[in-house]
């Protein structure tokens, strides 16, 4: 399975960085942490920032899980002596989509008010909080879109790179049960709904449990089962007490969907920064058609640049991408100009 390939030990994967860990918030006694990666050979002076949100379908994943932390991202950060900030966040089904977005908001408040002072005595370089590049793979792109459109300091967010992004969340792929014969994802055949129901029941029975960091393969089968059985939208929109009456409605529900976020921000006159999207053409988890549709909407609603690069490969294809590949270097050139100018 490609998503689990190249499981390099964490110390080796991030050997070129000083890695710091700190909680940016606490929920019901559970710290929610972010990691701060400072290149060991960083150039002096204020260093630009990459904020990278991890994927996992909002169900699994961890901020430093090495098979999902593409080596090219580390190489890019090193080249520009950039500091990487990699947050965790609450996961479903223990938490709702609205709760995850609350984590995103609280992260950005902490980022702008606390991070600089916290890092200053611990790192040999300064951090530049005004030149921020957003990155998000898969579900992490969902966090990026919310950040871009609801930021408390939009001028700091200079550009974004989204890889195999979960954007078209109202597509039937995320809300309708697939036919068993058509439902294979990552080579995994159809998984029954019992697995989904079991986790949901556990979450309902322990409403104070907070889950923020899960290293696959743990719960990867759950993520696949949620998609195959069309339960993602249900979990995303639910209220905290799981009752049908608590399901989010109106503007609260709109904030869960990237297309609606894009439309609302554009109608309000917001000018969003340039975005690069890279997607594998054979993606069975998040169909590439959603990225095509999103780019069309972006170009219709926004004046800023939005480019889509389709490459052969499955979900997580960029884990095998060499940093020197021509297409990647070509696209990063204009992203870098937007980020560091």
C-alpha atoms as a PDB file:
ATOM      1  CA  UNK A   1       0.000   0.000   0.000  1.00  0.00           C
ATOM      2  CA  UNK A   2       1.637   3.249  -1.122  1.00  0.00           C
ATOM      3  CA  UNK A   3       0.449   5.304   1.834  1.00  0.00           C
ATOM      4  CA  UNK A   4       2.519   3.143   4.175  1.00  0.00           C
ATOM      5  CA  UNK A   5       5.663   2.876   2.053  1.00  0.00           C
ATOM      6  CA  UNK A   6       9.085   4.177   3.083  1.00  0.00           C
ATOM      7  CA  UNK A   7       8.435   4.207   6.808  1.00  0.00           C
ATOM      8  CA  UNK A   8      11.748   5.861   7.684  1.00  0.00           C
ATOM      9  CA  UNK A   9      12.371   6.265  11.425  1.00  0.00           C
ATOM     10  CA  UNK A  10      11.410   9.738  12.592  1.00  0.00           C
ATOM     11  CA  UNK A  11      14.891  10.661  13.835  1.00  0.00           C
ATOM     12  CA  UNK A  12      16.376   9.800  10.440  1.00  0.00           C
ATOM     13  CA  UNK A  13      13.613  11.414   8.386  1.00  0.00           C
ATOM     14  CA  UNK A  14      14.003  14.756  10.182  1.00  0.00           C
ATOM     15  CA  UNK A  15      17.743  14.496  10.859  1.00  0.00           C
ATOM     16  CA  UNK A  16      18.463  17.833   9.159  1.00  0.00           C
ATOM     17  CA  UNK A  17      16.150  19.724  11.518  1.00  0.00           C
ATOM     18  CA  UNK A  18      15.994  20.645  15.169  1.00  0.00           C
ATOM     19  CA  UNK A  19      12.535  19.429  16.184  1.00  0.00           C
ATOM     20  CA  UNK A  20      10.590  21.126  18.979  1.00  0.00           C
ATOM     21  CA  UNK A  21       7.161  20.161  20.325  1.00  0.00           C
ATOM     22  CA  UNK A  22       4.645  22.387  22.090  1.00  0.00           C
ATOM     23  CA  UNK A  23       0.922  22.342  22.834  1.00  0.00           C
ATOM     24  CA  UNK A  24      -0.995  25.169  21.191  1.00  0.00           C
ATOM     25  CA  UNK A  25      -4.191  24.367  23.117  1.00  0.00           C
ATOM     26  CA  UNK A  26      -5.674  21.877  25.580  1.00  0.00           C
ATOM     27  CA  UNK A  27      -9.108  20.261  25.346  1.00  0.00           C
ATOM     28  CA  UNK A  28     -10.562  18.309  28.294  1.00  0.00           C
ATOM     29  CA  UNK A  29      -7.066  17.866  29.665  1.00  0.00           C
ATOM     30  CA  UNK A  30      -5.647  16.636  26.347  1.00  0.00           C
ATOM     31  CA  UNK A  31      -2.841  18.796  24.916  1.00  0.00           C
ATOM     32  CA  UNK A  32      -3.011  19.334  21.165  1.00  0.00           C
ATOM     33  CA  UNK A  33       0.529  19.716  19.940  1.00  0.00           C
ATOM     34  CA  UNK A  34       2.428  21.152  17.037  1.00  0.00           C
ATOM     35  CA  UNK A  35       5.970  20.373  15.993  1.00  0.00           C
ATOM     36  CA  UNK A  36       8.401  23.077  14.927  1.00  0.00           C
ATOM     37  CA  UNK A  37      11.161  22.014  12.534  1.00  0.00           C
ATOM     38  CA  UNK A  38      14.124  24.385  12.294  1.00  0.00           C
ATOM     39  CA  UNK A  39      16.801  23.574   9.705  1.00  0.00           C
ATOM     40  CA  UNK A  40      20.095  22.831  11.430  1.00  0.00           C
ATOM     41  CA  UNK A  41      21.963  24.933   8.885  1.00  0.00           C
ATOM     42  CA  UNK A  42      19.396  27.735   8.652  1.00  0.00           C
ATOM     43  CA  UNK A  43      20.706  31.046   7.379  1.00  0.00           C
ATOM     44  CA  UNK A  44      20.759  33.898   9.913  1.00  0.00           C
ATOM     45  CA  UNK A  45      17.978  36.435  10.171  1.00  0.00           C
ATOM     46  CA  UNK A  46      14.187  36.019  10.232  1.00  0.00           C
ATOM     47  CA  UNK A  47      13.270  32.769   8.490  1.00  0.00           C
ATOM     48  CA  UNK A  48      10.082  32.280   6.456  1.00  0.00           C
ATOM     49  CA  UNK A  49       7.469  29.797   7.586  1.00  0.00           C
ATOM     50  CA  UNK A  50       5.744  26.740   6.150  1.00  0.00           C
ATOM     51  CA  UNK A  51       2.585  25.641   7.972  1.00  0.00           C
ATOM     52  CA  UNK A  52       1.820  22.072   6.978  1.00  0.00           C
ATOM     53  CA  UNK A  53      -1.460  20.303   7.821  1.00  0.00           C
ATOM     54  CA  UNK A  54      -1.403  16.503   7.645  1.00  0.00           C
ATOM     55  CA  UNK A  55      -3.951  14.270   5.961  1.00  0.00           C
ATOM     56  CA  UNK A  56      -5.820  11.145   7.012  1.00  0.00           C
ATOM     57  CA  UNK A  57      -9.425  11.830   6.095  1.00  0.00           C
ATOM     58  CA  UNK A  58      -9.891  13.638   9.458  1.00  0.00           C
ATOM     59  CA  UNK A  59      -9.965  10.106  10.922  1.00  0.00           C
ATOM     60  CA  UNK A  60      -6.321   9.063  11.196  1.00  0.00           C
ATOM     61  CA  UNK A  61      -2.885  10.641  10.799  1.00  0.00           C
ATOM     62  CA  UNK A  62      -0.213  12.406  12.818  1.00  0.00           C
ATOM     63  CA  UNK A  63       1.831  15.544  12.310  1.00  0.00           C
ATOM     64  CA  UNK A  64       5.212  13.782  11.970  1.00  0.00           C
ATOM     65  CA  UNK A  65       4.110  10.448  10.491  1.00  0.00           C
ATOM     66  CA  UNK A  66       7.021   9.957   8.125  1.00  0.00           C
ATOM     67  CA  UNK A  67       5.388   8.075   5.210  1.00  0.00           C
ATOM     68  CA  UNK A  68       3.043  11.036   4.746  1.00  0.00           C
ATOM     69  CA  UNK A  69       5.671  13.739   5.258  1.00  0.00           C
ATOM     70  CA  UNK A  70       7.024  13.926   1.706  1.00  0.00           C
ATOM     71  CA  UNK A  71      10.835  14.271   1.505  1.00  0.00           C
ATOM     72  CA  UNK A  72      10.544  16.981  -1.139  1.00  0.00           C
ATOM     73  CA  UNK A  73       8.831  19.230   1.428  1.00  0.00           C
ATOM     74  CA  UNK A  74      11.816  18.897   3.748  1.00  0.00           C
ATOM     75  CA  UNK A  75      14.243  19.555   0.893  1.00  0.00           C
ATOM     76  CA  UNK A  76      12.282  22.665  -0.111  1.00  0.00           C
ATOM     77  CA  UNK A  77      12.287  23.989   3.448  1.00  0.00           C
ATOM     78  CA  UNK A  78      16.027  23.377   3.759  1.00  0.00           C
ATOM     79  CA  UNK A  79      16.753  25.167   0.489  1.00  0.00           C
ATOM     80  CA  UNK A  80      15.054  28.309   1.759  1.00  0.00           C
ATOM     81  CA  UNK A  81      16.037  27.925   5.441  1.00  0.00           C
ATOM     82  CA  UNK A  82      12.336  27.856   6.237  1.00  0.00           C
ATOM     83  CA  UNK A  83      10.839  26.809   9.557  1.00  0.00           C
ATOM     84  CA  UNK A  84       8.092  24.190   9.289  1.00  0.00           C
ATOM     85  CA  UNK A  85       5.166  24.268  11.704  1.00  0.00           C
ATOM     86  CA  UNK A  86       3.228  20.974  11.693  1.00  0.00           C
ATOM     87  CA  UNK A  87       0.116  20.909  13.921  1.00  0.00           C
ATOM     88  CA  UNK A  88      -2.038  18.037  15.081  1.00  0.00           C
ATOM     89  CA  UNK A  89      -5.783  18.513  15.522  1.00  0.00           C
ATOM     90  CA  UNK A  90      -8.755  16.569  16.858  1.00  0.00           C
ATOM     91  CA  UNK A  91      -9.902  13.604  14.803  1.00  0.00           C
ATOM     92  CA  UNK A  92     -13.308  12.124  13.982  1.00  0.00           C
ATOM     93  CA  UNK A  93     -15.443  10.389  15.142  1.00  0.00           C
ATOM     94  CA  UNK A  94     -14.481  11.444  18.675  1.00  0.00           C
ATOM     95  CA  UNK A  95     -14.748  15.057  17.521  1.00  0.00           C
ATOM     96  CA  UNK A  96     -16.863  16.771  14.895  1.00  0.00           C
ATOM     97  CA  UNK A  97     -15.881  18.782  11.850  1.00  0.00           C
ATOM     98  CA  UNK A  98     -16.784  21.984  13.704  1.00  0.00           C
ATOM     99  CA  UNK A  99     -14.467  21.007  16.557  1.00  0.00           C
ATOM    100  CA  UNK A 100     -11.598  20.463  14.134  1.00  0.00           C
ATOM    101  CA  UNK A 101     -12.152  23.928  12.668  1.00  0.00           C
ATOM    102  CA  UNK A 102     -12.048  25.345  16.196  1.00  0.00           C
ATOM    103  CA  UNK A 103      -8.583  23.816  16.476  1.00  0.00           C
ATOM    104  CA  UNK A 104      -7.549  25.528  13.238  1.00  0.00           C
ATOM    105  CA  UNK A 105      -8.754  28.894  14.561  1.00  0.00           C
ATOM    106  CA  UNK A 106      -7.006  28.409  17.898  1.00  0.00           C
ATOM    107  CA  UNK A 107      -3.808  27.324  16.169  1.00  0.00           C
ATOM    108  CA  UNK A 108      -3.672  30.559  14.168  1.00  0.00           C
ATOM    109  CA  UNK A 109      -4.337  32.668  17.264  1.00  0.00           C
ATOM    110  CA  UNK A 110      -1.456  30.884  19.008  1.00  0.00           C
ATOM    111  CA  UNK A 111       0.715  31.212  15.889  1.00  0.00           C
ATOM    112  CA  UNK A 112       0.327  34.985  15.733  1.00  0.00           C
ATOM    113  CA  UNK A 113       0.354  35.736  19.471  1.00  0.00           C
ATOM    114  CA  UNK A 114       2.613  33.164  21.145  1.00  0.00           C
ATOM    115  CA  UNK A 115       4.836  31.197  18.759  1.00  0.00           C
ATOM    116  CA  UNK A 116       7.527  33.817  18.207  1.00  0.00           C
ATOM    117  CA  UNK A 117       8.129  34.417  21.912  1.00  0.00           C
ATOM    118  CA  UNK A 118       8.050  30.685  22.667  1.00  0.00           C
ATOM    119  CA  UNK A 119      10.578  29.805  19.960  1.00  0.00           C
ATOM    120  CA  UNK A 120      12.990  32.717  20.463  1.00  0.00           C
ATOM    121  CA  UNK A 121      14.938  31.266  23.439  1.00  0.00           C
ATOM    122  CA  UNK A 122      14.921  27.778  21.935  1.00  0.00           C
ATOM    123  CA  UNK A 123      16.187  28.400  18.399  1.00  0.00           C
ATOM    124  CA  UNK A 124      19.226  30.122  16.942  1.00  0.00           C
ATOM    125  CA  UNK A 125      17.154  31.921  14.320  1.00  0.00           C
ATOM    126  CA  UNK A 126      14.129  34.185  14.289  1.00  0.00           C
ATOM    127  CA  UNK A 127      10.832  33.201  12.725  1.00  0.00           C
ATOM    128  CA  UNK A 128       9.144  35.429  10.173  1.00  0.00           C
ATOM    129  CA  UNK A 129       5.395  35.209  10.753  1.00  0.00           C
ATOM    130  CA  UNK A 130       4.619  37.518   7.835  1.00  0.00           C
ATOM    131  CA  UNK A 131       5.814  35.186   5.043  1.00  0.00           C
ATOM    132  CA  UNK A 132       3.784  32.006   5.403  1.00  0.00           C
ATOM    133  CA  UNK A 133       3.402  29.215   2.871  1.00  0.00           C
ATOM    134  CA  UNK A 134       0.517  26.859   3.571  1.00  0.00           C
ATOM    135  CA  UNK A 135       0.770  23.172   2.710  1.00  0.00           C
ATOM    136  CA  UNK A 136      -1.827  20.455   3.077  1.00  0.00           C
ATOM    137  CA  UNK A 137      -2.109  16.946   1.725  1.00  0.00           C
ATOM    138  CA  UNK A 138      -5.442  15.160   1.391  1.00  0.00           C
ATOM    139  CA  UNK A 139      -7.604  16.246   4.352  1.00  0.00           C
ATOM    140  CA  UNK A 140      -4.915  18.774   5.243  1.00  0.00           C
ATOM    141  CA  UNK A 141      -6.059  20.809   2.239  1.00  0.00           C
ATOM    142  CA  UNK A 142      -9.381  21.252   4.026  1.00  0.00           C
ATOM    143  CA  UNK A 143      -7.532  23.000   6.859  1.00  0.00           C
ATOM    144  CA  UNK A 144      -5.663  25.121   4.344  1.00  0.00           C
ATOM    145  CA  UNK A 145      -8.824  26.343   2.642  1.00  0.00           C
ATOM    146  CA  UNK A 146     -10.389  27.267   5.965  1.00  0.00           C
ATOM    147  CA  UNK A 147      -7.166  29.055   6.922  1.00  0.00           C
ATOM    148  CA  UNK A 148      -7.032  31.001   3.645  1.00  0.00           C
ATOM    149  CA  UNK A 149     -10.614  32.171   3.841  1.00  0.00           C
ATOM    150  CA  UNK A 150     -11.010  32.725   7.604  1.00  0.00           C
ATOM    151  CA  UNK A 151      -7.529  33.913   8.572  1.00  0.00           C
ATOM    152  CA  UNK A 152      -7.029  36.548  11.254  1.00  0.00           C
ATOM    153  CA  UNK A 153      -3.977  37.810   9.319  1.00  0.00           C
ATOM    154  CA  UNK A 154      -4.611  37.088   5.629  1.00  0.00           C
ATOM    155  CA  UNK A 155      -1.745  39.288   4.461  1.00  0.00           C
ATOM    156  CA  UNK A 156       0.730  36.829   6.041  1.00  0.00           C
ATOM    157  CA  UNK A 157      -0.491  33.901   3.950  1.00  0.00           C
ATOM    158  CA  UNK A 158       1.454  34.325   0.706  1.00  0.00           C
ATOM    159  CA  UNK A 159       0.743  31.057  -1.185  1.00  0.00           C
ATOM    160  CA  UNK A 160      -0.479  27.479  -0.775  1.00  0.00           C
ATOM    161  CA  UNK A 161       0.464  24.039  -2.070  1.00  0.00           C
ATOM    162  CA  UNK A 162      -2.217  21.340  -1.952  1.00  0.00           C
ATOM    163  CA  UNK A 163      -1.456  17.714  -2.772  1.00  0.00           C
ATOM    164  CA  UNK A 164      -4.250  15.262  -3.668  1.00  0.00           C
ATOM    165  CA  UNK A 165      -6.613  17.573  -1.755  1.00  0.00           C
ATOM    166  CA  UNK A 166     -10.011  16.776  -0.251  1.00  0.00           C
ATOM    167  CA  UNK A 167     -11.971  19.755  -1.580  1.00  0.00           C
ATOM    168  CA  UNK A 168     -15.120  18.582  -3.365  1.00  0.00           C
ATOM    169  CA  UNK A 169     -16.691  17.216  -0.188  1.00  0.00           C
ATOM    170  CA  UNK A 170     -20.255  17.430  -1.475  1.00  0.00           C
ATOM    171  CA  UNK A 171     -19.449  14.964  -4.218  1.00  0.00           C
ATOM    172  CA  UNK A 172     -21.267  11.625  -3.933  1.00  0.00           C
ATOM    173  CA  UNK A 173     -17.881   9.985  -3.326  1.00  0.00           C
ATOM    174  CA  UNK A 174     -18.014  11.313   0.254  1.00  0.00           C
ATOM    175  CA  UNK A 175     -21.717  10.958   1.023  1.00  0.00           C
ATOM    176  CA  UNK A 176     -23.116   7.944  -0.840  1.00  0.00           C
ATOM    177  CA  UNK A 177     -22.407   4.279  -0.257  1.00  0.00           C
ATOM    178  CA  UNK A 178     -20.414   2.752  -3.072  1.00  0.00           C
ATOM    179  CA  UNK A 179     -21.285  -0.529  -4.725  1.00  0.00           C
ATOM    180  CA  UNK A 180     -19.032  -3.240  -3.260  1.00  0.00           C
ATOM    181  CA  UNK A 181     -17.743  -4.172  -6.708  1.00  0.00           C
ATOM    182  CA  UNK A 182     -16.678  -0.546  -7.352  1.00  0.00           C
ATOM    183  CA  UNK A 183     -15.452   0.399  -3.883  1.00  0.00           C
ATOM    184  CA  UNK A 184     -11.813  -0.730  -3.783  1.00  0.00           C
ATOM    185  CA  UNK A 185      -9.564   1.994  -2.402  1.00  0.00           C
ATOM    186  CA  UNK A 186      -5.789   1.656  -2.292  1.00  0.00           C
ATOM    187  CA  UNK A 187      -6.375  -1.939  -3.292  1.00  0.00           C
ATOM    188  CA  UNK A 188      -8.529  -2.544  -0.191  1.00  0.00           C
ATOM    189  CA  UNK A 189     -11.830  -4.250  -1.123  1.00  0.00           C
ATOM    190  CA  UNK A 190     -15.155  -3.129   0.278  1.00  0.00           C
ATOM    191  CA  UNK A 191     -15.227  -2.981   4.079  1.00  0.00           C
ATOM    192  CA  UNK A 192     -18.564  -3.375   5.798  1.00  0.00           C
ATOM    193  CA  UNK A 193     -20.351  -0.692   7.769  1.00  0.00           C
ATOM    194  CA  UNK A 194     -19.895  -2.595  11.033  1.00  0.00           C
ATOM    195  CA  UNK A 195     -16.435  -1.105  11.448  1.00  0.00           C
ATOM    196  CA  UNK A 196     -17.822   2.421  11.138  1.00  0.00           C
ATOM    197  CA  UNK A 197     -20.700   1.723  13.519  1.00  0.00           C
ATOM    198  CA  UNK A 198     -18.329   0.236  16.095  1.00  0.00           C
ATOM    199  CA  UNK A 199     -16.153   3.341  16.229  1.00  0.00           C
ATOM    200  CA  UNK A 200     -19.182   5.611  16.264  1.00  0.00           C
ATOM    201  CA  UNK A 201     -20.680   3.740  19.207  1.00  0.00           C
ATOM    202  CA  UNK A 202     -17.411   4.027  21.135  1.00  0.00           C
ATOM    203  CA  UNK A 203     -17.281   7.773  20.483  1.00  0.00           C
ATOM    204  CA  UNK A 204     -20.852   8.219  21.687  1.00  0.00           C
ATOM    205  CA  UNK A 205     -20.181   6.244  24.862  1.00  0.00           C
ATOM    206  CA  UNK A 206     -17.149   8.351  25.816  1.00  0.00           C
ATOM    207  CA  UNK A 207     -17.950  11.933  24.767  1.00  0.00           C
ATOM    208  CA  UNK A 208     -14.952  13.414  26.611  1.00  0.00           C
ATOM    209  CA  UNK A 209     -12.367  11.328  24.794  1.00  0.00           C
ATOM    210  CA  UNK A 210     -10.075  13.437  22.631  1.00  0.00           C
ATOM    211  CA  UNK A 211      -7.965  11.826  19.876  1.00  0.00           C
ATOM    212  CA  UNK A 212      -5.362  13.966  18.142  1.00  0.00           C
ATOM    213  CA  UNK A 213      -2.486  11.786  16.938  1.00  0.00           C
ATOM    214  CA  UNK A 214      -2.895   8.370  15.296  1.00  0.00           C
ATOM    215  CA  UNK A 215      -0.044   6.762  13.368  1.00  0.00           C
ATOM    216  CA  UNK A 216      -1.291   4.599  10.489  1.00  0.00           C
ATOM    217  CA  UNK A 217      -1.922   1.833   9.789  1.00  0.00           C
ATOM    218  CA  UNK A 218      -4.052   2.371  12.894  1.00  0.00           C
ATOM    219  CA  UNK A 219      -7.532   3.524  11.800  1.00  0.00           C
ATOM    220  CA  UNK A 220      -6.572   3.578   8.127  1.00  0.00           C
ATOM    221  CA  UNK A 221      -9.122   0.825   7.569  1.00  0.00           C
ATOM    222  CA  UNK A 222     -11.684   2.977   9.373  1.00  0.00           C
ATOM    223  CA  UNK A 223     -10.975   5.919   7.074  1.00  0.00           C
ATOM    224  CA  UNK A 224     -11.425   3.715   4.017  1.00  0.00           C
ATOM    225  CA  UNK A 225     -14.629   2.204   5.418  1.00  0.00           C
ATOM    226  CA  UNK A 226     -16.052   5.672   6.126  1.00  0.00           C
ATOM    227  CA  UNK A 227     -15.494   6.674   2.505  1.00  0.00           C
ATOM    228  CA  UNK A 228     -16.709   3.390   1.036  1.00  0.00           C
ATOM    229  CA  UNK A 229     -19.917   3.500   3.052  1.00  0.00           C
ATOM    230  CA  UNK A 230     -20.653   7.163   2.358  1.00  0.00           C
ATOM    231  CA  UNK A 231     -20.430   8.208   5.999  1.00  0.00           C
ATOM    232  CA  UNK A 232     -17.890  11.023   5.791  1.00  0.00           C
ATOM    233  CA  UNK A 233     -20.362  13.879   5.305  1.00  0.00           C
ATOM    234  CA  UNK A 234     -22.502  12.545   8.156  1.00  0.00           C
ATOM    235  CA  UNK A 235     -19.556  12.593  10.564  1.00  0.00           C
ATOM    236  CA  UNK A 236     -18.355  15.957   9.298  1.00  0.00           C
ATOM    237  CA  UNK A 237     -21.683  17.745   9.816  1.00  0.00           C
ATOM    238  CA  UNK A 238     -22.781  16.177  13.079  1.00  0.00           C
ATOM    239  CA  UNK A 239     -23.375  18.149  16.240  1.00  0.00           C
ATOM    240  CA  UNK A 240     -21.536  17.394  19.443  1.00  0.00           C
ATOM    241  CA  UNK A 241     -24.370  15.273  20.902  1.00  0.00           C
ATOM    242  CA  UNK A 242     -24.813  13.186  17.717  1.00  0.00           C
ATOM    243  CA  UNK A 243     -28.559  13.899  17.572  1.00  0.00           C
ATOM    244  CA  UNK A 244     -30.129  14.637  14.160  1.00  0.00           C
ATOM    245  CA  UNK A 245     -31.323  17.966  15.569  1.00  0.00           C
ATOM    246  CA  UNK A 246     -27.738  18.988  16.331  1.00  0.00           C
ATOM    247  CA  UNK A 247     -26.559  18.566  12.746  1.00  0.00           C
ATOM    248  CA  UNK A 248     -25.018  21.801  11.542  1.00  0.00           C
ATOM    249  CA  UNK A 249     -27.144  23.986   9.322  1.00  0.00           C
ATOM    250  CA  UNK A 250     -26.802  27.204   7.344  1.00  0.00           C
ATOM    251  CA  UNK A 251     -23.600  29.208   7.669  1.00  0.00           C
ATOM    252  CA  UNK A 252     -22.192  26.771  10.235  1.00  0.00           C
ATOM    253  CA  UNK A 253     -22.475  23.952   7.718  1.00  0.00           C
ATOM    254  CA  UNK A 254     -21.099  26.064   4.855  1.00  0.00           C
ATOM    255  CA  UNK A 255     -17.816  26.572   6.688  1.00  0.00           C
ATOM    256  CA  UNK A 256     -17.197  22.811   6.431  1.00  0.00           C
ATOM    257  CA  UNK A 257     -17.068  22.846   2.637  1.00  0.00           C
ATOM    258  CA  UNK A 258     -14.155  24.350   0.659  1.00  0.00           C
ATOM    259  CA  UNK A 259     -16.247  25.291  -2.376  1.00  0.00           C
ATOM    260  CA  UNK A 260     -18.620  27.272  -0.167  1.00  0.00           C
ATOM    261  CA  UNK A 261     -15.691  28.877   1.645  1.00  0.00           C
ATOM    262  CA  UNK A 262     -14.235  29.932  -1.694  1.00  0.00           C
ATOM    263  CA  UNK A 263     -17.560  31.313  -2.896  1.00  0.00           C
ATOM    264  CA  UNK A 264     -18.279  33.226   0.320  1.00  0.00           C
ATOM    265  CA  UNK A 265     -14.780  34.709   0.477  1.00  0.00           C
ATOM    266  CA  UNK A 266     -14.962  35.785  -3.162  1.00  0.00           C
ATOM    267  CA  UNK A 267     -18.404  37.337  -2.721  1.00  0.00           C
ATOM    268  CA  UNK A 268     -17.017  39.286   0.253  1.00  0.00           C
ATOM    269  CA  UNK A 269     -14.256  40.675  -1.969  1.00  0.00           C
ATOM    270  CA  UNK A 270     -11.364  38.692  -0.469  1.00  0.00           C
ATOM    271  CA  UNK A 271      -8.317  38.291  -2.704  1.00  0.00           C
ATOM    272  CA  UNK A 272      -6.794  34.905  -1.963  1.00  0.00           C
ATOM    273  CA  UNK A 273      -3.140  34.061  -2.646  1.00  0.00           C
ATOM    274  CA  UNK A 274      -1.849  31.793  -5.433  1.00  0.00           C
ATOM    275  CA  UNK A 275      -2.429  28.057  -5.087  1.00  0.00           C
ATOM    276  CA  UNK A 276      -0.692  25.031  -6.596  1.00  0.00           C
ATOM    277  CA  UNK A 277      -2.554  21.706  -6.655  1.00  0.00           C
ATOM    278  CA  UNK A 278      -0.857  18.398  -7.468  1.00  0.00           C
ATOM    279  CA  UNK A 279      -2.949  15.255  -7.840  1.00  0.00           C
ATOM    280  CA  UNK A 280      -2.389  11.653  -8.871  1.00  0.00           C
ATOM    281  CA  UNK A 281      -4.486  10.625 -11.853  1.00  0.00           C
ATOM    282  CA  UNK A 282      -5.213   7.164 -10.396  1.00  0.00           C
ATOM    283  CA  UNK A 283      -6.225   8.436  -6.946  1.00  0.00           C
ATOM    284  CA  UNK A 284      -8.844   6.063  -5.517  1.00  0.00           C
ATOM    285  CA  UNK A 285      -9.272   7.861  -2.179  1.00  0.00           C
ATOM    286  CA  UNK A 286      -9.838  11.413  -3.428  1.00  0.00           C
ATOM    287  CA  UNK A 287     -10.729  11.487  -7.147  1.00  0.00           C
ATOM    288  CA  UNK A 288      -8.701  13.947  -9.203  1.00  0.00           C
ATOM    289  CA  UNK A 289     -11.948  15.237 -10.743  1.00  0.00           C
ATOM    290  CA  UNK A 290     -12.534  17.213  -7.553  1.00  0.00           C
ATOM    291  CA  UNK A 291      -9.309  19.127  -8.053  1.00  0.00           C
ATOM    292  CA  UNK A 292     -10.212  19.893 -11.666  1.00  0.00           C
ATOM    293  CA  UNK A 293     -13.579  21.220 -10.555  1.00  0.00           C
ATOM    294  CA  UNK A 294     -12.006  23.299  -7.793  1.00  0.00           C
ATOM    295  CA  UNK A 295      -9.497  24.951 -10.119  1.00  0.00           C
ATOM    296  CA  UNK A 296     -12.329  25.889 -12.467  1.00  0.00           C
ATOM    297  CA  UNK A 297     -14.244  27.466  -9.563  1.00  0.00           C
ATOM    298  CA  UNK A 298     -11.154  29.299  -8.305  1.00  0.00           C
ATOM    299  CA  UNK A 299     -10.411  30.786 -11.715  1.00  0.00           C
ATOM    300  CA  UNK A 300     -14.029  31.858 -12.089  1.00  0.00           C
ATOM    301  CA  UNK A 301     -14.226  33.499  -8.664  1.00  0.00           C
ATOM    302  CA  UNK A 302     -10.686  34.673  -7.978  1.00  0.00           C
ATOM    303  CA  UNK A 303      -8.090  36.629  -9.881  1.00  0.00           C
ATOM    304  CA  UNK A 304      -5.164  34.918  -8.164  1.00  0.00           C
ATOM    305  CA  UNK A 305      -3.278  32.124  -9.861  1.00  0.00           C
ATOM    306  CA  UNK A 306      -4.381  28.519  -9.327  1.00  0.00           C
ATOM    307  CA  UNK A 307      -2.568  25.766 -11.188  1.00  0.00           C
ATOM    308  CA  UNK A 308      -3.313  22.037 -11.341  1.00  0.00           C
ATOM    309  CA  UNK A 309      -0.613  19.464 -12.080  1.00  0.00           C
ATOM    310  CA  UNK A 310      -1.783  15.916 -12.746  1.00  0.00           C
ATOM    311  CA  UNK A 311       0.789  13.167 -12.378  1.00  0.00           C
ATOM    312  CA  UNK A 312       0.562   9.389 -12.713  1.00  0.00           C
ATOM    313  CA  UNK A 313      -0.057   7.778  -9.363  1.00  0.00           C
ATOM    314  CA  UNK A 314      -2.308   6.903  -6.460  1.00  0.00           C
ATOM    315  CA  UNK A 315      -3.202   8.841  -3.349  1.00  0.00           C
ATOM    316  CA  UNK A 316       0.049   9.882  -1.698  1.00  0.00           C
ATOM    317  CA  UNK A 317       2.010   9.762  -4.947  1.00  0.00           C
ATOM    318  CA  UNK A 318       4.263  12.653  -3.952  1.00  0.00           C
ATOM    319  CA  UNK A 319       5.958  10.545  -1.310  1.00  0.00           C
ATOM    320  CA  UNK A 320       7.957   9.066  -4.181  1.00  0.00           C
ATOM    321  CA  UNK A 321       8.635  12.356  -5.977  1.00  0.00           C
ATOM    322  CA  UNK A 322      12.258  13.427  -6.235  1.00  0.00           C
ATOM    323  CA  UNK A 323      12.804  17.064  -5.308  1.00  0.00           C
ATOM    324  CA  UNK A 324      14.675  17.680  -8.546  1.00  0.00           C
ATOM    325  CA  UNK A 325      11.847  16.491 -10.806  1.00  0.00           C
ATOM    326  CA  UNK A 326      11.307  19.054 -13.543  1.00  0.00           C
ATOM    327  CA  UNK A 327       7.574  19.551 -13.073  1.00  0.00           C
ATOM    328  CA  UNK A 328       7.993  20.137  -9.343  1.00  0.00           C
ATOM    329  CA  UNK A 329      10.817  22.624  -9.755  1.00  0.00           C
ATOM    330  CA  UNK A 330       8.865  24.485 -12.451  1.00  0.00           C
ATOM    331  CA  UNK A 331       5.819  24.899 -10.230  1.00  0.00           C
ATOM    332  CA  UNK A 332       7.744  25.702  -7.055  1.00  0.00           C
ATOM    333  CA  UNK A 333       9.480  28.555  -8.826  1.00  0.00           C
ATOM    334  CA  UNK A 334       6.357  30.709  -9.020  1.00  0.00           C
ATOM    335  CA  UNK A 335       5.143  29.523  -5.620  1.00  0.00           C
ATOM    336  CA  UNK A 336       8.467  30.612  -4.113  1.00  0.00           C
ATOM    337  CA  UNK A 337       8.208  34.026  -5.739  1.00  0.00           C
ATOM    338  CA  UNK A 338       4.761  34.541  -4.242  1.00  0.00           C
ATOM    339  CA  UNK A 339       5.846  33.265  -0.823  1.00  0.00           C
ATOM    340  CA  UNK A 340       9.130  35.101  -0.379  1.00  0.00           C
ATOM    341  CA  UNK A 341       8.589  38.316  -2.335  1.00  0.00           C
END
